[in-house]
Structures are given as structure tokens and as C-alpha cells.
Amino acid sequence: MSVDIVTFGCRLNAFEAEVIRREAEGAGLSDTIVINSCAVTNEAVAQARQSIRKLKRERPSARIVVTGCAAQTQSQMFADMAEVDRVVGNDDKMRTSAWRNMRDAFNIGVSEKIAVSDIMAVKEMAPHLIDGFASGLPRVFVQVQNGCDHRCTFCIIPYGRGNSRSVPMGAVVDQVRALVERGHAEIVLTGVDLTSYGADLPGAPKLGMLTRQILRHVPELKRLRISSIDSIEADSDLLDAIADDSRLMPHLHLSLQSGDDMILKRMKRRHSRNDAIAFCDQVRRLRPDIVFGADIIAGFPTETEEMFSRSLDLVEACGLTFLHVFPYSPRPGTPAARMPQVAGSSIKERARRLRAAGEAALRQRLQAEIGATRDVLIESDSQGRTEHYLPVAIAGERVGSVVPLRIGGCDDERLTT
């Protein structure tokens, strides 16, 4: 039987799942389930543990391997689970040698479960071209950066991913070109802290330069999309590319986290509320049809109702369309976990109100699209997405193609033609 991957968390994990599959199968593993975990919230860790138990009941003969950020930061906890055969670190999971060593250990019955190296000692990042992406798959990810040098007080991810490191520009351009030649219409650049791209490379190129190099040297690329960015680090080349090249999609997801300046300081963020609003206004002047999404945390320690209200009204102040709401979850070892906590019931209620505001903003944007003609990337037999990442219900279009479609209506979640 093949290697099955169960992935939790971010787009980067989804990309890395394909690397894991290739390396594990190439090493000769079979009848193996790999849990690619997320550590961003307590709920994500709990979901991984529940999945492990469920999968072991369903497939008692399968070996279960746990990797990802939660495995890196809480390796002993997973190793203590009777269902788990091996715990592999975040850097190790991308290495052929780690999977070969695991195969050999399984074959000779080695009992040691943990194979987790020091992620902070990792200084370089090798490019990983995914051969396993099906030809013609509409949208594929290219990992250009990993890790984070910042230490936001709520975040455990730097301890799961290590410090920031980047793939050299030439290697990224080669990857994009190879994927376009295979028929992929849209490329998404992904990383843990994308806007820190290049600081560790010779000459310290920035994300904007990488973006412009891709657009210049891969003219056949139909659509380039950028995943979550830190707006305070957006450079002039990136803004110029947003303004000048229609192949760079008019959709940015921002790591905002809060709309209150005191909470932002306690989070150890590097922007203010006014910085966030000014950035959205600036980009909207450059690209009037731009759509913004954002991450916002509800119930950060010490957050009062008045402080929360400034996060709630940031949805309108920044003109946000897509909202990714995180109910605050204390992560062991982070400074925020030692701060005065907000009651769990208040956190849930604030998260509910934020999500409701996000749903209302999305409905408003969907309704505004009626009558427009959009270039829609056909993702499946029943759905595509516009340049702005808005979902469209479709039928009868070829998967992988980009088709101009007139928007005739919408429901609460999708556009219709």
C-alpha cells in the first residue's frame, strides 16, 4: 500500500506534503500514514491527536509517522502515544536520508521513536520541485521561504520552523518555468514569512524583486499569486508589480492580527493600526480592484471589549473581504501564555462576531461582482476562482483553463454565471 499523507494547517504544509510523499515512497515505505501537523493553536494539535487515534483504529496494521510543526515543538507528547511509530522533525521531513533511515529502523525493529533535529541550526533552504503535481492541475504552490526571525508573543511557529531562510531567485524562477511548462496556469508563492524573503541571500533581494524576476523571465505564466504577507515589509518593487502587471493577481492576504495599537504592541507586531489602513489605501490606489484578506486574533491576553471593537471595525477601515479568524490559544513557552488571559467564553463570542463581520463583507463583495466579466481559473467540474480569489459555481468548462465568464448572480458563498 502507498504512503498516505494527512495534512493540517497552512498552505506551506500542503506543499510540503507532496515532498513528503515523494521522499517516503522513494525510500520504499508502504502501508504508512504520515500526519503533517500544525502547532498554531491548541485545537490544531488536538485535531492531529484525534486523527492519529482514529486512523489507527481504521488501519491497525499501518505505521503512523507524525511530522510538522507540532511534532517539532511537542515531539515527546506524540512519541508517548501508543499509536505513533515515529516522530520526524520539520527539517528532517524534507530529507531523503530521514525517510531511508526510518525504513531501515522499521525493518530491524529499532524502538527509538523520535528523529527531530535542532531546527534553529538550519541555515539554508534547498528548492523542492514537486514532480508529483498532476499535469494540468490548475493551481500549484512554490515554496520560496521558510522560518521566521520575528518573535511575536503569541506565536510558536519560529520554534517549529526555525529562522528565516530563502530559496535563491534563480532556483525559484526555474521551478516556476518548469511548472508552467507542465501546464499549470496559476503559481502561488508561499512561505512562513514571505516578506522576509531574501534577507539571507547574497545581495539581500526582496520579495518584490523575486516577483518581478518571475514575471519577466516566465512570460508564459498566466497567473501569479502571493500568499500571506506582512504589510509593513512590503517593498517598492512588490508595489510596482501589483500596479503594473495584470498577471499578478489583485488579491493579498495580510497578517494584521489586531486593530488595536496596545494589543499590537503586546503581540510584538511591527505595525500600527494606522499603518495597516494606510497600506490598504496605498495599494488600492495602485490597483483599484484589489481584494484584501487578513488574519485577526480574537481574545488576545488583556484585550478589553473596547480593544476588540477596534479589531472589529478594522474590517471596514481596511476594506477586508476574506477574514481568517483565530480564537486566541495560549501556546506553551510563548510570552503571551504568561499574560492575563481573556475568559474562554469571551474569546468564542468575539471570534463569532469577527466571523460574522467577515461573512457580511464577503457577501457584499460577491454582490458587487454581479454584471462583471472575470477571468476564472477552472479548478474542478463545479468551481473556479476569479482573479480576486472569489469562488464561482461553474459547469461545462475544462479544468485548468482560464475562461472569461460574466457573473450573473451569487449566493452567500459563491458567484454564479
Protein backbone atom coordinates (compact mmCIF):
# COMPACT_ATOMS: atom_id res chain seq x y z
CA MET A 1 0.00 0.00 0.00
CA SER A 2 1.11 3.55 -0.66
CA VAL A 3 2.08 6.33 1.73
CA ASP A 4 -0.94 8.41 2.78
CA ILE A 5 -0.50 12.00 3.99
CA VAL A 6 -2.93 13.76 6.33
CA THR A 7 -2.13 17.47 6.42
CA PHE A 8 -3.22 20.12 8.92
CA GLY A 9 -2.62 23.85 8.85
CA CYS A 10 -1.12 26.19 6.30
CA ARG A 11 -0.53 26.17 2.55
CA LEU A 12 3.14 25.53 3.17
CA ASN A 13 2.25 22.27 4.88
CA ALA A 14 0.11 21.36 1.87
CA PHE A 15 3.10 21.96 -0.43
CA GLU A 16 5.45 20.01 1.81
CA ALA A 17 3.04 17.08 1.93
CA GLU A 18 3.88 16.37 -1.70
CA VAL A 19 7.61 16.42 -0.91
CA ILE A 20 6.99 14.02 1.97
CA ARG A 21 5.02 11.65 -0.24
CA ARG A 22 7.76 11.60 -2.87
CA GLU A 23 10.57 11.06 -0.36
CA ALA A 24 8.75 8.45 1.73
CA GLU A 25 7.64 6.39 -1.26
CA GLY A 26 11.08 6.77 -2.84
CA ALA A 27 12.61 5.34 0.34
CA GLY A 28 10.45 2.25 -0.03
CA LEU A 29 7.94 2.86 2.76
CA SER A 30 4.50 1.36 2.34
CA ASP A 31 1.31 0.99 4.39
CA THR A 32 2.34 4.18 6.20
CA ILE A 33 0.26 7.16 7.28
CA VAL A 34 2.07 10.47 7.77
CA ILE A 35 0.40 13.13 9.91
CA ASN A 36 1.77 16.51 8.82
CA SER A 37 0.79 18.52 11.89
CA CYS A 38 0.18 22.18 12.73
CA ALA A 39 1.06 23.93 16.01
CA VAL A 40 -0.58 27.32 15.52
CA THR A 41 -3.39 26.59 18.03
CA ASN A 42 -4.18 24.06 20.74
CA GLU A 43 -7.13 22.97 18.61
CA ALA A 44 -4.83 22.11 15.69
CA VAL A 45 -2.70 19.91 17.94
CA ALA A 46 -5.80 18.23 19.39
CA GLN A 47 -7.11 17.55 15.88
CA ALA A 48 -3.85 15.83 14.96
CA ARG A 49 -4.04 13.61 18.06
CA GLN A 50 -7.66 12.71 17.36
CA SER A 51 -6.82 11.89 13.75
CA ILE A 52 -3.97 9.61 14.86
CA ARG A 53 -6.25 7.60 17.13
CA LYS A 54 -9.00 7.36 14.52
CA LEU A 55 -6.63 6.26 11.75
CA LYS A 56 -5.04 3.60 13.93
CA ARG A 57 -8.47 2.14 14.69
CA GLU A 58 -9.31 2.12 10.99
CA ARG A 59 -5.93 0.73 9.84
CA PRO A 60 -4.34 -1.11 12.77
CA SER A 61 -1.54 -2.58 10.63
CA ALA A 62 -0.38 0.79 9.22
CA ARG A 63 2.64 2.56 10.64
CA ILE A 64 1.90 6.11 11.79
CA VAL A 65 4.53 8.81 11.43
CA VAL A 66 4.00 12.32 12.84
CA THR A 67 5.82 15.33 11.46
CA GLY A 68 5.20 19.08 11.02
CA CYS A 69 5.30 21.99 13.47
CA ALA A 70 3.56 20.24 16.36
CA ALA A 71 5.92 17.27 16.01
CA GLN A 72 8.88 19.67 16.10
CA THR A 73 7.70 21.56 19.19
CA GLN A 74 5.99 18.72 21.10
CA SER A 75 7.83 15.62 19.91
CA GLN A 76 7.72 13.75 23.23
CA MET A 77 3.96 14.16 23.52
CA PHE A 78 3.44 12.42 20.19
CA ALA A 79 6.11 9.82 20.92
CA ASP A 80 4.22 8.92 24.11
CA MET A 81 1.16 7.95 22.05
CA ALA A 82 0.97 4.18 21.63
CA GLU A 83 -0.41 4.63 18.10
CA VAL A 84 2.66 6.52 16.88
CA ASP A 85 5.64 4.69 15.38
CA ARG A 86 7.90 7.65 14.59
CA VAL A 87 8.13 11.41 15.14
CA VAL A 88 10.08 13.31 12.46
CA GLY A 89 11.21 16.94 12.67
CA ASN A 90 10.27 19.73 10.27
CA ASP A 91 13.67 19.90 8.58
CA ASP A 92 14.14 16.13 8.58
CA LYS A 93 10.82 15.51 6.80
CA MET A 94 12.19 17.20 3.66
CA ARG A 95 15.31 15.00 3.52
CA THR A 96 15.60 11.72 1.63
CA SER A 97 18.02 10.39 4.24
CA ALA A 98 15.47 10.73 7.06
CA TRP A 99 12.95 8.50 5.28
CA ARG A 100 15.59 5.95 4.34
CA ASN A 101 16.78 5.83 7.95
CA MET A 102 13.19 5.35 9.05
CA ARG A 103 12.71 2.47 6.60
CA ASP A 104 15.87 0.80 7.90
CA ALA A 105 14.82 1.35 11.53
CA PHE A 106 11.41 -0.19 10.88
CA ASN A 107 12.98 -3.18 9.13
CA ILE A 108 15.27 -4.03 12.05
CA GLY A 109 12.80 -3.11 14.77
CA VAL A 110 14.55 -0.09 16.29
CA SER A 111 12.40 1.15 19.16
CA GLU A 112 13.58 4.81 19.25
CA LYS A 113 10.65 6.93 18.10
CA ILE A 114 12.00 10.49 17.89
CA ALA A 115 14.04 11.77 14.95
CA VAL A 116 13.90 15.53 15.49
CA SER A 117 16.96 17.70 14.89
CA ASP A 118 17.61 21.28 16.07
CA ILE A 119 15.56 23.44 13.69
CA MET A 120 17.39 26.58 14.83
CA ALA A 121 20.64 25.17 13.46
CA VAL A 122 19.25 25.06 9.91
CA LYS A 123 20.72 27.95 7.90
CA GLU A 124 19.97 27.16 4.26
CA MET A 125 16.98 26.08 2.23
CA ALA A 126 17.07 23.78 -0.76
CA PRO A 127 14.47 24.15 -3.51
CA HIS A 128 11.98 21.31 -3.81
CA LEU A 129 10.40 20.87 -7.22
CA ILE A 130 7.27 18.77 -6.90
CA ASP A 131 7.25 16.17 -9.65
CA GLY A 132 4.10 14.66 -8.17
CA PHE A 133 1.79 17.54 -9.10
CA ALA A 134 -0.63 16.18 -11.67
CA SER A 135 -0.13 17.68 -15.11
CA GLY A 136 -2.66 20.43 -15.71
CA LEU A 137 -3.54 20.85 -12.02
CA PRO A 138 -4.89 24.41 -12.05
CA ARG A 139 -3.06 25.91 -9.07
CA VAL A 140 0.25 24.82 -7.54
CA PHE A 141 2.45 26.20 -4.79
CA VAL A 142 6.12 27.07 -4.87
CA GLN A 143 7.90 27.31 -1.54
CA VAL A 144 10.32 30.25 -1.66
CA GLN A 145 10.93 30.84 2.05
CA ASN A 146 10.73 29.06 5.39
CA GLY A 147 11.08 30.03 9.05
CA CYS A 148 10.75 33.39 10.79
CA ASP A 149 13.16 35.77 12.51
CA HIS A 150 10.42 37.63 14.37
CA ARG A 151 9.15 36.65 17.80
CA CYS A 152 5.52 37.64 18.07
CA THR A 153 4.49 36.94 21.64
CA PHE A 154 1.63 34.60 20.70
CA CYS A 155 3.45 32.53 18.10
CA ILE A 156 5.14 29.15 18.46
CA ILE A 157 5.89 28.76 14.75
CA PRO A 158 9.52 30.05 14.76
CA TYR A 159 10.32 27.19 17.14
CA GLY A 160 8.71 24.76 14.73
CA ARG A 161 10.16 26.24 11.55
CA GLY A 162 13.44 27.83 12.64
CA ASN A 163 14.86 31.14 11.48
CA SER A 164 14.11 32.68 8.10
CA ARG A 165 15.84 31.20 5.06
CA SER A 166 15.16 31.60 1.35
CA VAL A 167 15.41 29.72 -1.93
CA PRO A 168 17.74 31.54 -4.38
CA MET A 169 15.91 33.54 -7.04
CA GLY A 170 17.29 31.59 -9.97
CA ALA A 171 16.07 28.31 -8.50
CA VAL A 172 12.60 29.77 -7.92
CA VAL A 173 12.38 31.05 -11.50
CA ASP A 174 13.47 27.63 -12.79
CA GLN A 175 10.78 25.95 -10.69
CA VAL A 176 8.07 28.28 -11.93
CA ARG A 177 9.15 27.81 -15.54
CA ALA A 178 9.11 24.02 -15.17
CA LEU A 179 5.63 24.06 -13.63
CA VAL A 180 4.27 26.35 -16.34
CA GLU A 181 5.70 24.02 -19.00
CA ARG A 182 3.71 21.20 -17.37
CA GLY A 183 0.51 23.13 -17.90
CA HIS A 184 -0.16 24.75 -14.53
CA ALA A 185 -1.98 28.04 -15.02
CA GLU A 186 -1.52 29.63 -11.60
CA ILE A 187 1.52 29.64 -9.33
CA VAL A 188 1.26 30.64 -5.67
CA LEU A 189 4.41 31.78 -3.86
CA THR A 190 4.34 30.52 -0.31
CA GLY A 191 6.42 30.65 2.86
CA VAL A 192 6.19 31.22 6.60
CA ASP A 193 7.14 34.92 6.48
CA LEU A 194 7.12 35.73 2.78
CA THR A 195 8.04 39.38 3.02
CA SER A 196 11.29 38.49 4.79
CA TYR A 197 12.34 36.70 1.59
CA GLY A 198 15.95 37.17 0.54
CA ALA A 199 17.48 38.71 3.67
CA ASP A 200 19.78 35.68 3.99
CA LEU A 201 20.78 35.59 0.31
CA PRO A 202 23.70 37.39 -1.38
CA GLY A 203 22.65 40.95 -2.14
CA ALA A 204 19.55 40.57 0.06
CA PRO A 205 16.92 40.62 -2.74
CA LYS A 206 13.38 41.25 -1.56
CA LEU A 207 10.07 39.60 -2.41
CA GLY A 208 9.29 42.33 -4.92
CA MET A 209 12.45 41.63 -6.89
CA LEU A 210 11.68 37.91 -6.90
CA THR A 211 8.16 38.62 -8.11
CA ARG A 212 9.36 40.85 -10.93
CA GLN A 213 12.01 38.31 -11.97
CA ILE A 214 9.38 35.59 -12.24
CA LEU A 215 7.05 37.76 -14.29
CA ARG A 216 9.91 38.92 -16.54
CA HIS A 217 11.56 35.56 -17.15
CA VAL A 218 8.46 33.36 -17.39
CA PRO A 219 6.27 35.26 -19.84
CA GLU A 220 4.13 32.14 -20.43
CA LEU A 221 2.91 32.24 -16.82
CA LYS A 222 -0.78 33.13 -16.82
CA ARG A 223 -1.31 33.95 -13.15
CA LEU A 224 0.97 34.58 -10.18
CA ARG A 225 -0.46 34.80 -6.69
CA ILE A 226 1.20 35.68 -3.39
CA SER A 227 0.09 34.08 -0.15
CA SER A 228 0.04 35.81 3.25
CA ILE A 229 2.35 38.81 3.68
CA ASP A 230 3.36 41.22 6.44
CA SER A 231 2.26 44.56 5.04
CA ILE A 232 4.88 46.58 6.93
CA GLU A 233 7.62 44.72 5.00
CA ALA A 234 6.12 45.15 1.51
CA ASP A 235 8.82 46.73 -0.68
CA SER A 236 8.57 49.17 -3.58
CA ASP A 237 9.23 46.52 -6.24
CA LEU A 238 6.32 44.48 -4.95
CA LEU A 239 4.04 47.52 -5.04
CA ASP A 240 5.21 48.33 -8.56
CA ALA A 241 4.46 44.77 -9.69
CA ILE A 242 0.98 44.97 -8.18
CA ALA A 243 0.37 48.20 -10.06
CA ASP A 244 1.95 47.26 -13.39
CA ASP A 245 1.42 43.56 -14.19
CA SER A 246 -2.07 42.11 -14.52
CA ARG A 247 -0.66 38.58 -14.21
CA LEU A 248 -0.01 39.28 -10.52
CA MET A 249 -3.43 38.60 -9.04
CA PRO A 250 -5.25 41.50 -7.31
CA HIS A 251 -5.60 39.66 -4.02
CA LEU A 252 -3.41 39.99 -0.92
CA HIS A 253 -3.80 38.27 2.43
CA LEU A 254 -2.39 40.35 5.27
CA SER A 255 -1.05 39.31 8.66
CA LEU A 256 -2.79 42.02 10.70
CA GLN A 257 -3.74 40.12 13.91
CA SER A 258 -5.39 43.08 15.67
CA GLY A 259 -6.77 46.55 15.08
CA ASP A 260 -5.76 47.96 18.47
CA ASP A 261 -2.36 49.61 18.92
CA MET A 262 -1.82 48.47 22.52
CA ILE A 263 -2.62 44.86 21.65
CA LEU A 264 -0.33 45.08 18.62
CA LYS A 265 2.50 46.23 20.92
CA ARG A 266 1.81 43.40 23.34
CA MET A 267 1.83 41.00 20.42
CA LYS A 268 5.22 42.47 19.45
CA ARG A 269 3.95 43.25 15.97
CA ARG A 270 5.84 45.84 13.92
CA HIS A 271 2.93 47.81 12.52
CA SER A 272 0.24 50.05 13.97
CA ARG A 273 -3.44 50.25 13.16
CA ASN A 274 -2.81 53.33 11.00
CA ASP A 275 -0.01 51.51 9.16
CA ALA A 276 -2.45 48.76 8.16
CA ILE A 277 -5.11 51.20 6.98
CA ALA A 278 -2.56 53.32 5.08
CA PHE A 279 -1.14 50.24 3.34
CA CYS A 280 -4.57 49.14 2.13
CA ASP A 281 -5.34 52.66 0.92
CA GLN A 282 -2.00 52.87 -0.91
CA VAL A 283 -2.38 49.53 -2.67
CA ARG A 284 -5.98 50.30 -3.58
CA ARG A 285 -4.82 53.49 -5.30
CA LEU A 286 -2.26 51.44 -7.27
CA ARG A 287 -4.73 48.63 -8.10
CA PRO A 288 -8.30 49.83 -7.54
CA ASP A 289 -9.84 46.36 -7.83
CA ILE A 290 -7.54 44.77 -5.21
CA VAL A 291 -9.16 42.44 -2.67
CA PHE A 292 -7.72 42.00 0.83
CA GLY A 293 -7.93 39.17 3.29
CA ALA A 294 -6.48 39.19 6.78
CA ASP A 295 -5.64 37.11 9.83
CA ILE A 296 -7.13 38.50 13.05
CA ILE A 297 -6.85 37.03 16.55
CA ALA A 298 -9.86 37.26 18.86
CA GLY A 299 -9.31 37.46 22.61
CA PHE A 300 -5.58 38.07 22.85
CA PRO A 301 -4.50 38.36 26.53
CA THR A 302 -5.51 41.70 28.14
CA GLU A 303 -7.86 42.51 25.23
CA THR A 304 -10.82 44.53 26.51
CA GLU A 305 -14.14 44.90 24.71
CA GLU A 306 -13.04 48.39 23.58
CA MET A 307 -9.78 46.99 22.19
CA PHE A 308 -11.68 44.22 20.41
CA SER A 309 -14.05 46.75 18.85
CA ARG A 310 -11.06 48.28 17.04
CA SER A 311 -10.30 44.89 15.50
CA LEU A 312 -13.94 44.52 14.52
CA ASP A 313 -14.10 47.89 12.79
CA LEU A 314 -10.77 47.23 11.04
CA VAL A 315 -12.76 45.04 8.64
CA GLU A 316 -14.43 48.16 7.26
CA ALA A 317 -11.49 50.52 7.76
CA CYS A 318 -9.20 48.33 5.62
CA GLY A 319 -11.95 47.12 3.29
CA LEU A 320 -11.30 43.45 4.07
CA THR A 321 -13.13 40.77 2.09
CA PHE A 322 -11.71 37.49 3.41
CA LEU A 323 -11.27 37.07 7.16
CA HIS A 324 -9.31 34.26 8.79
CA VAL A 325 -10.26 34.41 12.47
CA PHE A 326 -8.14 32.75 15.16
CA PRO A 327 -9.64 32.46 18.65
CA TYR A 328 -6.60 33.09 20.84
CA SER A 329 -4.99 29.88 22.07
CA PRO A 330 -2.11 30.01 24.58
CA ARG A 331 0.92 28.16 23.27
CA PRO A 332 3.28 26.80 25.94
CA GLY A 333 6.58 28.68 26.11
CA THR A 334 5.33 31.87 24.47
CA PRO A 335 5.27 35.22 26.36
CA ALA A 336 1.55 35.70 25.69
CA ALA A 337 0.75 32.48 27.56
CA ARG A 338 2.04 34.19 30.74
CA MET A 339 -0.08 37.32 30.27
CA PRO A 340 -3.52 37.80 31.91
CA GLN A 341 -5.91 35.68 29.84
CA VAL A 342 -9.33 36.59 28.47
CA ALA A 343 -12.20 34.32 29.52
CA GLY A 344 -12.82 31.49 27.06
CA SER A 345 -16.49 32.44 26.64
CA SER A 346 -15.48 35.98 25.65
CA ILE A 347 -12.93 34.67 23.17
CA LYS A 348 -15.58 32.48 21.49
CA GLU A 349 -18.08 35.33 21.36
CA ARG A 350 -15.55 37.75 19.86
CA ALA A 351 -14.47 35.18 17.29
CA ARG A 352 -18.13 34.67 16.35
CA ARG A 353 -18.63 38.40 15.85
CA LEU A 354 -15.47 38.70 13.76
CA ARG A 355 -16.54 35.80 11.56
CA ALA A 356 -19.98 37.35 11.12
CA ALA A 357 -18.33 40.61 10.02
CA GLY A 358 -16.18 38.66 7.57
CA GLU A 359 -19.17 36.82 6.16
CA ALA A 360 -21.03 40.09 5.67
CA ALA A 361 -18.02 41.65 3.92
CA LEU A 362 -17.73 38.66 1.60
CA ARG A 363 -21.43 38.79 0.72
CA GLN A 364 -21.11 42.48 -0.08
CA ARG A 365 -18.17 41.83 -2.40
CA LEU A 366 -19.94 38.93 -4.11
CA GLN A 367 -22.97 41.11 -4.80
CA ALA A 368 -20.74 43.86 -6.19
CA GLU A 369 -19.36 41.41 -8.77
CA ILE A 370 -22.73 40.83 -10.46
CA GLY A 371 -22.59 42.02 -14.05
CA ALA A 372 -18.79 41.97 -14.27
CA THR A 373 -16.79 39.71 -16.57
CA ARG A 374 -13.98 37.91 -14.77
CA ASP A 375 -11.19 35.61 -15.86
CA VAL A 376 -11.97 32.42 -13.96
CA LEU A 377 -9.44 29.66 -13.30
CA ILE A 378 -11.41 26.42 -13.55
CA GLU A 379 -10.43 24.33 -10.52
CA SER A 380 -12.91 21.46 -10.85
CA ASP A 381 -16.05 20.39 -12.69
CA SER A 382 -18.12 22.58 -10.40
CA GLN A 383 -15.97 25.51 -9.25
CA GLY A 384 -13.47 28.10 -10.39
CA ARG A 385 -11.95 31.25 -8.90
CA THR A 386 -11.69 34.77 -10.21
CA GLU A 387 -8.53 36.88 -10.20
CA HIS A 388 -9.67 38.09 -6.77
CA TYR A 389 -9.88 34.52 -5.43
CA LEU A 390 -13.67 34.69 -5.31
CA PRO A 391 -15.29 31.25 -5.85
CA VAL A 392 -17.54 30.78 -8.87
CA ALA A 393 -20.00 27.93 -9.40
CA ILE A 394 -19.46 26.66 -12.95
CA ALA A 395 -20.33 23.77 -15.24
CA GLY A 396 -19.04 22.53 -18.58
CA GLU A 397 -15.62 24.21 -18.55
CA ARG A 398 -12.26 22.47 -18.96
CA VAL A 399 -10.40 22.05 -15.68
CA GLY A 400 -7.14 24.00 -15.71
CA SER A 401 -8.26 26.60 -18.23
CA VAL A 402 -8.72 30.33 -17.60
CA VAL A 403 -12.07 31.43 -19.03
CA PRO A 404 -13.71 34.87 -19.18
CA LEU A 405 -17.16 34.50 -17.61
CA ARG A 406 -19.89 37.03 -16.97
CA ILE A 407 -21.07 36.97 -13.37
CA GLY A 408 -24.84 36.66 -13.28
CA GLY A 409 -25.56 36.30 -9.58
CA CYS A 410 -24.38 34.97 -6.22
CA ASP A 411 -25.42 33.19 -3.08
CA ASP A 412 -23.89 33.75 0.37
CA GLU A 413 -20.66 31.95 -0.55
CA ARG A 414 -20.12 31.85 -4.31
CA LEU A 415 -20.64 33.71 -7.53
CA THR A 416 -22.78 32.19 -10.27
CA THR A 417 -22.73 32.66 -14.04
